[in-house]
């Protein structure tokens, strides 16, 4: 399934800055960064479960937020890009095998 993941990590403290770095590195293992805090990810159900657990272990539930939108397989029919176009065609082989 195709997923759009966004996050907002509170970086007012050193611990928050470290969490931000860990969240970004975790997301980079699964997908492609399309904006500072936005990733496009192609993952199966098992990979998504592992990703969620990994991120949940990193963030502070009181100050941080992660949103995961499942776009399905036909996302391209509804995708509109304005401005700089970054061509991203995730292939399952490029994703982390777990």
Protein backbone atom coordinates (compact mmCIF):
# COMPACT_ATOMS: atom_id res chain seq x y z
CA UNK A 1 0.00 0.00 0.00
CA UNK A 2 1.07 3.55 -0.61
CA UNK A 3 1.35 5.77 2.47
CA UNK A 4 1.90 9.46 3.15
CA UNK A 5 3.55 10.00 6.54
CA UNK A 6 3.92 13.40 8.18
CA UNK A 7 5.41 14.32 11.50
CA UNK A 8 5.81 17.26 13.85
CA UNK A 9 8.44 16.72 16.53
CA UNK A 10 8.94 19.29 19.29
CA UNK A 11 12.57 20.39 18.99
CA UNK A 12 12.71 22.95 21.79
CA UNK A 13 15.00 20.64 23.78
CA UNK A 14 18.09 18.64 22.94
CA UNK A 15 16.08 15.45 23.50
CA UNK A 16 13.50 16.69 21.01
CA UNK A 17 16.19 17.37 18.40
CA UNK A 18 17.49 13.83 18.88
CA UNK A 19 13.96 12.42 18.51
CA UNK A 20 13.53 14.37 15.28
CA UNK A 21 16.73 12.89 13.89
CA UNK A 22 15.69 9.36 14.89
CA UNK A 23 12.22 9.74 13.36
CA UNK A 24 13.69 11.04 10.09
CA UNK A 25 16.26 8.22 9.89
CA UNK A 26 13.58 5.63 10.60
CA UNK A 27 11.33 7.01 7.86
CA UNK A 28 14.23 7.11 5.38
CA UNK A 29 14.53 3.32 5.77
CA UNK A 30 10.99 2.89 4.46
CA UNK A 31 10.36 5.64 1.96
CA UNK A 32 11.30 8.84 0.20
CA UNK A 33 11.33 12.30 1.78
CA UNK A 34 9.27 14.68 -0.36
CA UNK A 35 9.28 17.63 2.05
CA UNK A 36 11.02 18.32 5.36
CA UNK A 37 8.57 16.33 7.49
CA UNK A 38 6.74 14.38 4.79
CA UNK A 39 7.54 10.92 3.42
CA UNK A 40 5.97 8.84 0.67
CA UNK A 41 6.20 5.17 1.58
CA UNK A 42 5.35 1.95 -0.21
CA UNK A 43 4.92 -0.79 2.41
CA UNK A 44 2.94 -3.90 3.10
CA UNK A 45 0.89 -4.39 6.28
CA UNK A 46 3.73 -6.05 8.19
CA UNK A 47 6.19 -3.29 7.32
CA UNK A 48 3.67 -0.65 8.33
CA UNK A 49 3.13 -2.35 11.68
CA UNK A 50 6.87 -2.41 12.33
CA UNK A 51 7.26 1.21 11.22
CA UNK A 52 4.46 2.36 13.55
CA UNK A 53 5.97 0.47 16.50
CA UNK A 54 9.43 1.90 15.78
CA UNK A 55 8.15 5.45 15.59
CA UNK A 56 5.93 5.06 18.64
CA UNK A 57 8.99 3.97 20.64
CA UNK A 58 10.85 7.15 19.61
CA UNK A 59 8.32 9.96 20.02
CA UNK A 60 7.05 11.76 23.09
CA UNK A 61 3.28 11.23 23.10
CA UNK A 62 2.74 14.54 24.90
CA UNK A 63 4.60 16.83 22.48
CA UNK A 64 5.09 15.02 19.14
CA UNK A 65 2.69 14.03 16.39
CA UNK A 66 2.88 11.56 13.51
CA UNK A 67 0.10 11.17 10.93
CA UNK A 68 -0.09 8.25 8.53
CA UNK A 69 -2.45 8.44 5.54
CA UNK A 70 -3.08 5.24 3.59
CA UNK A 71 -3.50 6.22 -0.05
CA UNK A 72 -4.08 2.78 -1.51
CA UNK A 73 -2.83 1.49 -4.83
CA UNK A 74 -4.64 3.95 -7.11
CA UNK A 75 -3.21 7.10 -5.52
CA UNK A 76 -1.71 8.31 -8.82
CA UNK A 77 -5.17 9.00 -10.27
CA UNK A 78 -5.78 11.56 -7.52
CA UNK A 79 -2.27 13.01 -7.14
CA UNK A 80 -1.76 16.63 -8.11
CA UNK A 81 1.64 18.31 -7.75
CA UNK A 82 2.06 22.06 -8.06
CA UNK A 83 5.50 23.64 -8.31
CA UNK A 84 8.70 21.67 -8.34
CA UNK A 85 7.88 18.16 -9.43
CA UNK A 86 9.87 15.39 -7.88
CA UNK A 87 9.31 12.13 -9.70
CA UNK A 88 8.99 9.36 -7.16
CA UNK A 89 8.13 5.88 -8.26
CA UNK A 90 8.68 3.66 -5.25
CA UNK A 91 9.40 0.08 -6.11
CA UNK A 92 9.01 -2.65 -3.51
CA UNK A 93 12.62 -3.76 -4.16
CA UNK A 94 13.82 -0.34 -2.96
CA UNK A 95 12.06 -0.68 0.36
CA UNK A 96 13.53 -2.27 3.45
CA UNK A 97 12.87 -5.98 3.63
CA UNK A 98 12.03 -6.99 7.17
